[in-house]
Amino acid sequence: MSASNCRAFVLFALAGTALLLGPAWGDPMNPNTDWFHKAGYGVFVHYLAGLQNNPDHVASLGKQTSWDECVREFDTERFAETMREVGAGYVIFTVMQIGREMIAPNATFDRITGYQPGEACATRDLIEDLYQSLSRRNIPLMLYYTGDGPRADPKAAPAFGWQTPVTNDFVAKWSSVAQEYGERYGDKVVGYWVDGCYPWIGYDDEKLALFAKALKAGNPKRIVAFNRGVDPQVMSYTPHEDFTCGEQNRFFDLPTQRWLDGEQWHILSYLGTGWGQPGAQLTKRDLAEYVFDANQRGGVVSIEVLLFRDGSLDRSQVEMLKAVRYEHEHGATRPPVPPGNLAYRKQAKLLSLDGSHELQVNGGVCFPKLGVDGRMETIALAGGEWPWTYEVDLIDSASVRRVKVTFGDGYATHFEVRLSADGQTWQTVASKENHDGAPFEATLDPVKARYVRVCALKPDGPDQPGTQMSIRELEVYE
């Protein structure tokens, strides 16, 4: 996530060792991430002066004090008990972001900047108190840190030598603050998610190596990830990280396997309407199934939620997280619906006819995944454009031999079924004109494909036979 945005995340971890897919997973590429992989999902929270100590933001509960007093008021027992209730496998908690406000004492920070204890670094050691409360419930503690440091503070920024591109001297000074924390907490802090380490501000492998060494001070098994920005999908960054940073603006991308360029596959996104916001952008079922499916494929999912000043969470988000826990505990591997359907519960998109852009959901209730959820009473339907394309990512490439499309009340009178191995080059494998809306099935010579599209060419406007296409179920078979 961009270091200029307020964020709070609380991460969850699902046990999934027995459910791993793929022979390569038998030999761990980085055993330090094994606990993280077994955790499966966790909760990430933003704890910042601009949120919990900002009377204009709901997270503050309308209160503003000194930062030192704000930190003293945080109830770690209340917070940790909620984490136990929702089944969090770990927590990622914000140390700082952009400004001078830190959640624990740090003599290195004070010496470099000239601030007195309590003026920037809280006098309460909130990291230690978080560890004590979480550890009593067997929940590991990870921390959020940044690579651009207190760049917005007029006193701290020049003291650390902040500039763009960042210099080795800046990285050395700023990482020395993390080194003090690392040596103090040892194995009490098991990981770091580090924001603001973007290539466009000067970070490269040399600087990241320096940073990683400092972050692992006091615990060489501590796992770290560096944020390179929001990519189109989860990507690796540097050999000096243990897991993918995985910042995304929605829970959509799924791993093909546990390891991505030798790193543990991990995704982070927000549950609410934005970073550090209440509510939910997904249904309970969608979130729970997404996390379960990602874990089944070896991935780890971090869910950012809204944290209030007193240590409580948005209640609606707590209920969402409890649904994730329930799916983890009771969602044993289910057979596809119908049996053998490769498209079942895979990720889907509503696209323009040419596939160049995504479309909005029609009516707010016809989500893409409803066309592959195994239920005939639900539909996927795009809004905004008459002709449109329904696309499903099978994740694993398959030799496709049969495709079946069951339309909703709206159906295309002229449509094509297209397959692609790479999402770029498409092959039309079936087409139909003057269709009457009945289920359509095509048997093919085997075609190696990962992506499947149903492209509705007609009707392309009102006053034509048929109506705008909707999809009850798309089925794909080898």
Protein backbone atom coordinates (compact mmCIF):
# COMPACT_ATOMS: atom_id res chain seq x y z
CA MET A 1 0.00 0.00 0.00
CA SER A 2 1.21 3.50 -0.68
CA ALA A 3 3.03 4.94 2.31
CA SER A 4 0.95 8.10 1.96
CA ASN A 5 -2.28 6.30 2.76
CA CYS A 6 -3.47 5.39 6.22
CA ARG A 7 -3.60 1.68 6.73
CA ALA A 8 -4.09 -0.80 9.50
CA PHE A 9 -3.84 -4.48 9.10
CA VAL A 10 -4.63 -7.49 11.11
CA LEU A 11 -3.58 -10.78 9.58
CA PHE A 12 -4.89 -14.32 9.77
CA ALA A 13 -3.21 -17.68 9.34
CA LEU A 14 -4.90 -20.95 8.28
CA ALA A 15 -3.30 -24.32 8.83
CA GLY A 16 -3.00 -26.03 5.48
CA THR A 17 0.03 -28.33 5.42
CA ALA A 18 -2.03 -31.44 4.77
CA LEU A 19 -3.81 -29.73 1.90
CA LEU A 20 -0.78 -28.66 -0.11
CA LEU A 21 -0.83 -29.20 -3.83
CA GLY A 22 2.20 -29.87 -6.00
CA PRO A 23 5.21 -32.13 -5.53
CA ALA A 24 7.70 -29.25 -5.18
CA TRP A 25 6.23 -28.31 -1.81
CA GLY A 26 7.74 -31.30 -0.09
CA ASP A 27 11.14 -29.54 0.07
CA PRO A 28 10.72 -26.16 1.78
CA MET A 29 12.51 -23.41 -0.10
CA ASN A 30 12.59 -21.20 3.00
CA PRO A 31 11.77 -23.06 6.22
CA ASN A 32 11.63 -19.78 8.16
CA THR A 33 8.24 -19.18 6.48
CA ASP A 34 6.78 -22.56 7.46
CA TRP A 35 4.92 -21.18 10.48
CA PHE A 36 3.55 -18.35 8.31
CA HIS A 37 2.37 -20.79 5.67
CA LYS A 38 0.69 -23.00 8.27
CA ALA A 39 -1.03 -19.95 9.74
CA GLY A 40 -2.62 -19.23 6.37
CA TYR A 41 -4.33 -15.96 7.20
CA GLY A 42 -3.96 -13.10 9.64
CA VAL A 43 -5.09 -9.59 10.53
CA PHE A 44 -3.33 -6.32 9.65
CA VAL A 45 -4.17 -3.03 11.39
CA HIS A 46 -3.10 0.54 10.87
CA TYR A 47 -2.40 2.35 14.11
CA LEU A 48 -1.45 5.98 13.33
CA ALA A 49 -1.81 9.51 14.62
CA GLY A 50 -3.86 10.32 11.53
CA LEU A 51 -6.36 7.62 12.43
CA GLN A 52 -6.63 6.80 16.12
CA ASN A 53 -5.65 10.32 17.25
CA ASN A 54 -7.55 12.26 14.59
CA PRO A 55 -10.99 13.48 15.77
CA ASP A 56 -12.17 13.70 12.15
CA HIS A 57 -11.65 9.97 11.62
CA VAL A 58 -14.01 7.37 13.03
CA ALA A 59 -11.07 5.34 14.37
CA SER A 60 -10.34 8.02 17.01
CA LEU A 61 -13.77 7.71 18.61
CA GLY A 62 -13.82 11.51 18.42
CA LYS A 63 -10.83 11.98 20.71
CA GLN A 64 -7.50 13.77 20.33
CA THR A 65 -4.65 13.96 22.84
CA SER A 66 -0.89 13.91 22.68
CA TRP A 67 0.46 10.91 20.79
CA ASP A 68 2.06 9.66 24.00
CA GLU A 69 -1.29 9.65 25.79
CA CYS A 70 -3.02 8.03 22.83
CA VAL A 71 -0.58 5.12 22.93
CA ARG A 72 -1.00 4.77 26.69
CA GLU A 73 -4.76 4.39 26.25
CA PHE A 74 -4.60 1.45 23.84
CA ASP A 75 -6.04 -1.72 25.43
CA THR A 76 -3.84 -4.59 24.25
CA GLU A 77 -5.88 -7.18 26.15
CA ARG A 78 -9.07 -6.12 24.43
CA PHE A 79 -7.36 -6.19 21.07
CA ALA A 80 -5.71 -9.57 21.63
CA GLU A 81 -8.94 -11.14 22.81
CA THR A 82 -10.66 -10.05 19.60
CA MET A 83 -7.79 -11.58 17.64
CA ARG A 84 -8.37 -14.84 19.49
CA GLU A 85 -12.10 -14.63 18.81
CA VAL A 86 -11.61 -14.27 15.07
CA GLY A 87 -8.91 -16.92 14.89
CA ALA A 88 -6.07 -14.69 13.73
CA GLY A 89 -2.99 -16.74 13.00
CA TYR A 90 -0.83 -13.65 13.40
CA VAL A 91 -1.10 -9.87 13.67
CA ILE A 92 0.74 -7.17 11.73
CA PHE A 93 0.75 -3.93 13.71
CA THR A 94 1.92 -0.50 12.56
CA VAL A 95 5.04 0.96 14.17
CA MET A 96 4.95 4.24 12.23
CA GLN A 97 4.18 5.79 8.86
CA ILE A 98 5.51 8.98 7.25
CA GLY A 99 5.49 11.05 10.47
CA ARG A 100 7.59 11.05 13.63
CA GLU A 101 5.09 9.17 15.80
CA MET A 102 6.43 5.76 16.91
CA ILE A 103 4.61 3.24 19.12
CA ALA A 104 7.56 2.40 21.38
CA PRO A 105 10.68 4.06 22.82
CA ASN A 106 13.71 4.18 20.54
CA ALA A 107 16.92 5.83 21.71
CA THR A 108 18.43 5.70 18.21
CA PHE A 109 15.53 7.68 16.78
CA ASP A 110 15.75 10.27 19.55
CA ARG A 111 19.54 10.62 19.21
CA ILE A 112 19.44 11.16 15.44
CA THR A 113 16.45 13.54 15.44
CA GLY A 114 16.98 15.41 18.71
CA TYR A 115 13.46 14.64 19.93
CA GLN A 116 12.99 13.95 23.61
CA PRO A 117 11.29 10.74 24.84
CA GLY A 118 7.54 11.10 24.41
CA GLU A 119 7.78 13.83 21.76
CA ALA A 120 7.99 11.34 18.89
CA CYS A 121 8.55 7.86 20.30
CA ALA A 122 5.90 6.89 22.82
CA THR A 123 7.17 6.33 26.35
CA ARG A 124 4.98 3.25 26.64
CA ASP A 125 6.45 0.18 24.95
CA LEU A 126 3.34 -0.80 23.04
CA ILE A 127 5.24 -3.46 21.07
CA GLU A 128 6.20 -5.28 24.27
CA ASP A 129 2.67 -4.98 25.64
CA LEU A 130 1.19 -6.27 22.38
CA TYR A 131 3.54 -9.23 22.49
CA GLN A 132 2.57 -10.06 26.07
CA SER A 133 -1.17 -9.95 25.32
CA LEU A 134 -0.94 -11.81 22.01
CA SER A 135 1.53 -14.44 23.19
CA ARG A 136 -0.82 -15.44 26.00
CA ARG A 137 -3.16 -16.47 23.18
CA ASN A 138 -0.41 -18.00 21.02
CA ILE A 139 -0.76 -15.35 18.31
CA PRO A 140 2.55 -14.29 16.67
CA LEU A 141 3.34 -10.59 16.34
CA MET A 142 4.61 -9.00 13.14
CA LEU A 143 5.26 -5.30 12.56
CA TYR A 144 4.58 -2.78 9.82
CA TYR A 145 7.49 -0.45 9.08
CA THR A 146 8.41 1.79 6.16
CA GLY A 147 11.36 2.34 3.86
CA ASP A 148 10.80 6.08 3.45
CA GLY A 149 10.89 6.77 7.19
CA PRO A 150 9.49 9.93 8.81
CA ARG A 151 9.74 11.81 5.50
CA ALA A 152 6.84 14.15 6.29
CA ASP A 153 8.28 15.41 9.57
CA PRO A 154 10.20 18.69 9.12
CA LYS A 155 12.70 17.84 11.84
CA ALA A 156 13.14 14.08 11.50
CA ALA A 157 13.30 13.92 7.70
CA PRO A 158 16.47 16.04 7.29
CA ALA A 159 18.02 14.47 10.37
CA PHE A 160 17.90 11.07 8.64
CA GLY A 161 18.95 12.58 5.32
CA TRP A 162 15.69 11.92 3.51
CA GLN A 163 15.78 12.69 -0.20
CA THR A 164 14.83 11.03 -3.47
CA PRO A 165 16.41 8.94 -4.64
CA VAL A 166 17.22 7.54 -1.21
CA THR A 167 20.90 7.17 -0.38
CA ASN A 168 22.80 4.37 1.33
CA ASP A 169 23.42 6.78 4.20
CA PHE A 170 19.68 7.39 4.67
CA VAL A 171 18.93 3.66 4.57
CA ALA A 172 21.70 2.93 7.07
CA LYS A 173 20.46 5.59 9.50
CA TRP A 174 16.82 4.71 9.18
CA SER A 175 17.37 0.95 9.41
CA SER A 176 19.41 1.48 12.58
CA VAL A 177 16.12 2.43 14.27
CA ALA A 178 14.67 -0.95 13.25
CA GLN A 179 17.88 -2.63 14.41
CA GLU A 180 17.40 -1.28 17.92
CA TYR A 181 13.88 -2.65 17.99
CA GLY A 182 15.02 -6.00 16.60
CA GLU A 183 17.75 -6.45 19.17
CA ARG A 184 15.35 -5.48 21.94
CA TYR A 185 12.52 -7.84 21.03
CA GLY A 186 14.41 -10.86 19.63
CA ASP A 187 12.02 -13.69 18.85
CA LYS A 188 9.06 -11.73 20.23
CA VAL A 189 8.72 -10.12 16.77
CA VAL A 190 8.59 -12.77 14.05
CA GLY A 191 8.26 -10.66 10.92
CA TYR A 192 8.15 -7.28 9.17
CA TRP A 193 5.99 -5.99 6.32
CA VAL A 194 7.93 -2.95 5.06
CA ASP A 195 6.13 -0.30 3.05
CA GLY A 196 7.61 2.46 0.91
CA CYS A 197 10.58 0.55 -0.55
CA TYR A 198 9.75 1.52 -4.10
CA PRO A 199 12.24 1.29 -6.97
CA TRP A 200 11.20 4.78 -8.12
CA ILE A 201 12.48 6.33 -4.88
CA GLY A 202 15.84 4.63 -5.28
CA TYR A 203 15.55 1.25 -3.57
CA ASP A 204 17.58 -1.54 -5.15
CA ASP A 205 19.02 -4.89 -4.05
CA GLU A 206 22.01 -3.24 -2.38
CA LYS A 207 19.87 -1.01 -0.18
CA LEU A 208 17.34 -3.75 0.51
CA ALA A 209 20.14 -6.10 1.62
CA LEU A 210 21.29 -3.46 4.12
CA PHE A 211 17.73 -2.95 5.32
CA ALA A 212 17.01 -6.68 5.65
CA LYS A 213 20.10 -7.23 7.81
CA ALA A 214 18.93 -4.54 10.24
CA LEU A 215 15.35 -5.85 10.30
CA LYS A 216 16.59 -9.32 11.26
CA ALA A 217 18.81 -8.09 14.09
CA GLY A 218 18.15 -10.13 17.21
CA ASN A 219 16.28 -12.85 15.30
CA PRO A 220 17.81 -14.16 12.06
CA LYS A 221 14.67 -16.26 11.46
CA ARG A 222 12.50 -13.14 11.37
CA ILE A 223 10.74 -12.97 7.98
CA VAL A 224 10.52 -9.75 5.97
CA ALA A 225 8.81 -8.43 2.84
CA PHE A 226 9.43 -5.14 1.03
CA ASN A 227 6.65 -3.28 -0.76
CA ARG A 228 7.45 -2.38 -4.35
CA GLY A 229 3.98 -0.92 -4.97
CA VAL A 230 0.66 -2.25 -6.21
CA ASP A 231 1.33 -4.63 -9.10
CA PRO A 232 -1.28 -6.14 -11.45
CA GLN A 233 -0.87 -9.36 -9.48
CA VAL A 234 1.20 -10.67 -6.58
CA MET A 235 4.88 -10.50 -7.56
CA SER A 236 8.28 -11.16 -6.01
CA TYR A 237 10.69 -8.25 -5.56
CA THR A 238 14.12 -9.08 -4.18
CA PRO A 239 16.14 -12.07 -2.95
CA HIS A 240 16.38 -10.24 0.39
CA GLU A 241 12.74 -10.88 1.31
CA ASP A 242 11.13 -14.08 2.59
CA PHE A 243 7.54 -13.61 1.47
CA THR A 244 5.80 -11.53 -1.15
CA CYS A 245 4.55 -8.15 0.02
CA GLY A 246 1.46 -8.70 -2.11
CA GLU A 247 -0.32 -5.38 -1.75
CA GLN A 248 -3.51 -5.46 -3.81
CA ASN A 249 -6.68 -3.37 -3.91
CA ARG A 250 -8.92 -6.43 -3.72
CA PHE A 251 -8.82 -10.08 -2.80
CA PHE A 252 -8.69 -11.67 -6.24
CA ASP A 253 -5.30 -13.06 -7.27
CA LEU A 254 -4.68 -16.70 -6.35
CA PRO A 255 -1.36 -18.58 -6.23
CA THR A 256 -0.47 -21.36 -8.62
CA GLN A 257 1.61 -22.85 -5.80
CA ARG A 258 3.17 -21.92 -2.46
CA TRP A 259 6.46 -20.54 -3.81
CA LEU A 260 6.90 -17.56 -6.12
CA ASP A 261 10.54 -17.19 -7.14
CA GLY A 262 11.51 -18.86 -3.88
CA GLU A 263 9.31 -16.61 -1.73
CA GLN A 264 6.24 -17.61 0.25
CA TRP A 265 3.19 -16.39 -1.73
CA HIS A 266 1.30 -13.80 0.32
CA ILE A 267 -1.36 -11.20 -0.41
CA LEU A 268 -2.51 -8.17 1.57
CA SER A 269 -5.66 -6.16 0.93
CA TYR A 270 -8.33 -4.30 2.86
CA LEU A 271 -11.66 -5.62 4.02
CA GLY A 272 -13.42 -2.24 4.23
CA THR A 273 -14.16 0.36 1.59
CA GLY A 274 -10.51 1.41 1.69
CA TRP A 275 -7.43 1.20 3.92
CA GLY A 276 -8.41 1.85 7.52
CA GLN A 277 -12.12 2.06 6.70
CA PRO A 278 -15.16 0.26 8.15
CA GLY A 279 -17.56 -2.08 6.39
CA ALA A 280 -16.76 -4.71 3.80
CA GLN A 281 -16.16 -4.85 0.06
CA LEU A 282 -17.01 -8.58 -0.01
CA THR A 283 -19.74 -10.83 1.32
CA LYS A 284 -18.93 -13.15 4.21
CA ARG A 285 -19.06 -16.14 1.90
CA ASP A 286 -16.82 -14.55 -0.73
CA LEU A 287 -14.15 -13.57 1.80
CA ALA A 288 -14.21 -16.92 3.60
CA GLU A 289 -14.04 -18.90 0.37
CA TYR A 290 -11.28 -16.70 -1.05
CA VAL A 291 -9.05 -17.17 1.99
CA PHE A 292 -9.77 -20.90 2.07
CA ASP A 293 -8.99 -21.30 -1.64
CA ALA A 294 -5.77 -19.27 -1.36
CA ASN A 295 -4.66 -21.39 1.61
CA GLN A 296 -5.50 -24.60 -0.24
CA ARG A 297 -3.08 -23.52 -2.96
CA GLY A 298 -0.30 -22.72 -0.47
CA GLY A 299 -0.84 -18.96 -0.12
CA VAL A 300 -1.10 -16.72 2.93
CA VAL A 301 -3.72 -13.96 3.19
CA SER A 302 -3.47 -10.79 5.29
CA ILE A 303 -6.73 -8.93 5.91
CA GLU A 304 -6.61 -5.25 6.83
CA VAL A 305 -9.38 -4.06 9.14
CA LEU A 306 -10.35 -0.89 10.98
CA LEU A 307 -8.82 -0.53 14.45
CA PHE A 308 -10.34 1.88 16.98
CA ARG A 309 -8.41 3.96 19.50
CA ASP A 310 -9.44 1.77 22.42
CA GLY A 311 -8.25 -1.49 20.83
CA SER A 312 -11.63 -2.62 19.51
CA LEU A 313 -12.49 -3.47 15.91
CA ASP A 314 -15.39 -2.60 13.64
CA ARG A 315 -18.04 -5.13 14.67
CA SER A 316 -19.19 -5.91 11.14
CA GLN A 317 -15.60 -6.71 10.21
CA VAL A 318 -15.25 -8.96 13.25
CA GLU A 319 -18.21 -10.98 11.98
CA MET A 320 -16.56 -11.23 8.56
CA LEU A 321 -13.35 -12.52 10.12
CA LYS A 322 -15.28 -15.05 12.17
CA ALA A 323 -16.71 -16.39 8.91
CA VAL A 324 -13.15 -16.87 7.68
CA ARG A 325 -12.36 -18.80 10.84
CA TYR A 326 -15.43 -20.98 10.44
CA GLU A 327 -14.56 -21.82 6.83
CA HIS A 328 -11.04 -22.70 7.93
CA GLU A 329 -12.25 -25.00 10.67
CA HIS A 330 -15.17 -26.62 8.82
CA GLY A 331 -14.47 -26.12 5.13
CA ALA A 332 -12.82 -29.42 4.33
CA THR A 333 -12.05 -29.80 0.64
CA ARG A 334 -15.34 -29.91 -1.23
CA PRO A 335 -15.80 -31.64 -4.58
CA PRO A 336 -16.41 -29.31 -7.52
CA VAL A 337 -20.00 -28.62 -8.53
CA PRO A 338 -20.72 -30.41 -10.81
CA PRO A 339 -17.97 -33.02 -10.25
CA GLY A 340 -14.94 -32.36 -12.41
CA ASN A 341 -15.82 -28.73 -13.18
CA LEU A 342 -12.49 -26.90 -13.40
CA ALA A 343 -14.20 -23.48 -13.23
CA TYR A 344 -15.88 -24.09 -9.87
CA ARG A 345 -15.02 -21.30 -7.38
CA LYS A 346 -12.31 -19.90 -9.64
CA GLN A 347 -11.83 -16.17 -10.01
CA ALA A 348 -13.98 -14.48 -12.65
CA LYS A 349 -14.23 -11.05 -14.26
CA LEU A 350 -16.88 -8.97 -16.00
CA LEU A 351 -15.15 -7.39 -18.99
CA SER A 352 -15.89 -5.27 -22.01
CA LEU A 353 -16.42 -7.24 -25.19
CA ASP A 354 -12.80 -6.76 -26.27
CA GLY A 355 -11.52 -7.53 -22.75
CA SER A 356 -9.77 -4.16 -22.43
CA HIS A 357 -11.44 -3.07 -19.17
CA GLU A 358 -13.53 -4.40 -16.31
CA LEU A 359 -17.21 -3.52 -16.00
CA GLN A 360 -19.27 -2.73 -12.96
CA VAL A 361 -21.63 -5.26 -11.41
CA ASN A 362 -25.19 -4.89 -12.63
CA GLY A 363 -27.53 -4.02 -9.78
CA GLY A 364 -24.87 -4.53 -7.11
CA VAL A 365 -25.75 -8.19 -6.54
CA CYS A 366 -24.56 -10.02 -9.70
CA PHE A 367 -20.90 -10.54 -8.80
CA PRO A 368 -18.51 -12.31 -11.20
CA LYS A 369 -17.94 -15.35 -8.99
CA LEU A 370 -21.67 -16.08 -8.89
CA GLY A 371 -21.30 -17.58 -12.35
CA VAL A 372 -19.01 -20.32 -11.01
CA ASP A 373 -20.38 -20.85 -7.49
CA GLY A 374 -22.25 -24.10 -8.22
CA ARG A 375 -25.64 -22.52 -7.53
CA MET A 376 -28.19 -22.06 -10.29
CA GLU A 377 -30.13 -19.42 -8.34
CA THR A 378 -27.27 -16.89 -8.63
CA ILE A 379 -26.00 -15.07 -11.72
CA ALA A 380 -23.08 -12.98 -12.90
CA LEU A 381 -24.15 -9.92 -14.86
CA ALA A 382 -22.21 -6.87 -16.04
CA GLY A 383 -23.55 -3.33 -16.11
CA GLY A 384 -22.84 -0.38 -18.34
CA GLU A 385 -22.35 -2.11 -21.72
CA TRP A 386 -24.70 -4.34 -23.70
CA PRO A 387 -22.17 -6.71 -25.27
CA TRP A 388 -19.69 -7.96 -22.72
CA THR A 389 -17.31 -10.79 -21.86
CA TYR A 390 -17.34 -13.21 -18.94
CA GLU A 391 -13.83 -14.48 -18.13
CA VAL A 392 -12.74 -17.22 -15.72
CA ASP A 393 -9.16 -17.97 -14.68
CA LEU A 394 -8.70 -21.71 -14.12
CA ILE A 395 -5.37 -20.93 -12.36
CA ASP A 396 -3.90 -24.25 -13.51
CA SER A 397 -3.56 -24.89 -17.23
CA ALA A 398 -5.68 -27.79 -18.46
CA SER A 399 -6.44 -29.66 -21.68
CA VAL A 400 -9.98 -28.42 -22.12
CA ARG A 401 -12.33 -30.83 -23.91
CA ARG A 402 -15.77 -29.58 -22.96
CA VAL A 403 -17.39 -26.25 -22.07
CA LYS A 404 -20.97 -25.71 -20.92
CA VAL A 405 -22.70 -22.35 -20.44
CA THR A 406 -25.97 -21.99 -18.56
CA PHE A 407 -27.47 -18.54 -19.05
CA GLY A 408 -29.63 -16.56 -16.68
CA ASP A 409 -32.89 -14.87 -17.65
CA GLY A 410 -30.85 -12.75 -20.04
CA TYR A 411 -28.98 -14.54 -22.80
CA ALA A 412 -26.89 -13.74 -25.83
CA THR A 413 -28.35 -14.59 -29.23
CA HIS A 414 -24.84 -14.52 -30.75
CA PHE A 415 -21.85 -15.49 -28.63
CA GLU A 416 -18.43 -17.09 -28.82
CA VAL A 417 -16.43 -19.27 -26.42
CA ARG A 418 -12.73 -18.45 -26.44
CA LEU A 419 -9.75 -20.12 -24.73
CA SER A 420 -6.25 -18.84 -23.95
CA ALA A 421 -3.13 -20.26 -22.36
CA ASP A 422 -1.65 -16.88 -21.44
CA GLY A 423 -4.54 -14.40 -21.34
CA GLN A 424 -3.16 -12.63 -24.40
CA THR A 425 -3.71 -14.88 -27.42
CA TRP A 426 -7.25 -16.21 -27.75
CA GLN A 427 -8.71 -19.06 -29.79
CA THR A 428 -12.41 -19.20 -30.62
CA VAL A 429 -13.42 -22.82 -30.00
CA ALA A 430 -17.22 -22.52 -30.28
CA SER A 431 -19.82 -20.04 -31.44
CA LYS A 432 -23.58 -19.82 -31.78
CA GLU A 433 -25.97 -17.51 -33.64
CA ASN A 434 -29.74 -17.20 -33.23
CA HIS A 435 -29.48 -18.76 -29.79
CA ASP A 436 -32.68 -19.26 -27.78
CA GLY A 437 -31.21 -19.10 -24.26
CA ALA A 438 -31.00 -22.84 -23.60
CA PRO A 439 -27.85 -24.25 -21.95
CA PHE A 440 -25.06 -24.46 -24.49
CA GLU A 441 -22.46 -27.22 -24.55
CA ALA A 442 -19.47 -27.69 -26.86
CA THR A 443 -17.16 -30.70 -27.11
CA LEU A 444 -13.67 -29.87 -28.38
CA ASP A 445 -10.45 -31.39 -29.51
CA PRO A 446 -8.19 -30.84 -26.47
CA VAL A 447 -7.03 -27.23 -26.13
CA LYS A 448 -4.39 -26.28 -23.56
CA ALA A 449 -5.82 -23.29 -21.70
CA ARG A 450 -5.87 -21.41 -18.43
CA TYR A 451 -8.45 -18.72 -19.30
CA VAL A 452 -11.99 -19.16 -20.60
CA ARG A 453 -14.23 -16.44 -22.06
CA VAL A 454 -17.87 -16.27 -23.07
CA CYS A 455 -18.20 -13.26 -25.37
CA ALA A 456 -21.73 -11.92 -25.95
CA LEU A 457 -21.80 -10.26 -29.37
CA LYS A 458 -25.59 -9.84 -29.67
CA PRO A 459 -27.75 -8.25 -28.56
CA ASP A 460 -25.60 -5.13 -28.68
CA GLY A 461 -28.41 -2.75 -27.85
CA PRO A 462 -32.15 -2.57 -27.04
CA ASP A 463 -35.04 -3.73 -29.24
CA GLN A 464 -33.30 -6.91 -30.38
CA PRO A 465 -34.06 -10.60 -29.77
CA GLY A 466 -32.63 -11.80 -26.45
CA THR A 467 -31.49 -9.51 -23.65
CA GLN A 468 -28.17 -8.60 -22.07
CA MET A 469 -26.30 -11.83 -21.27
CA SER A 470 -26.18 -13.17 -17.72
CA ILE A 471 -24.33 -16.33 -16.62
CA ARG A 472 -25.78 -18.80 -14.15
CA GLU A 473 -22.90 -21.27 -14.42
CA LEU A 474 -19.85 -21.77 -16.58
CA GLU A 475 -18.51 -25.33 -16.56
CA VAL A 476 -15.15 -26.43 -17.98
CA TYR A 477 -13.93 -30.02 -18.19
CA GLU A 478 -10.82 -31.87 -19.26
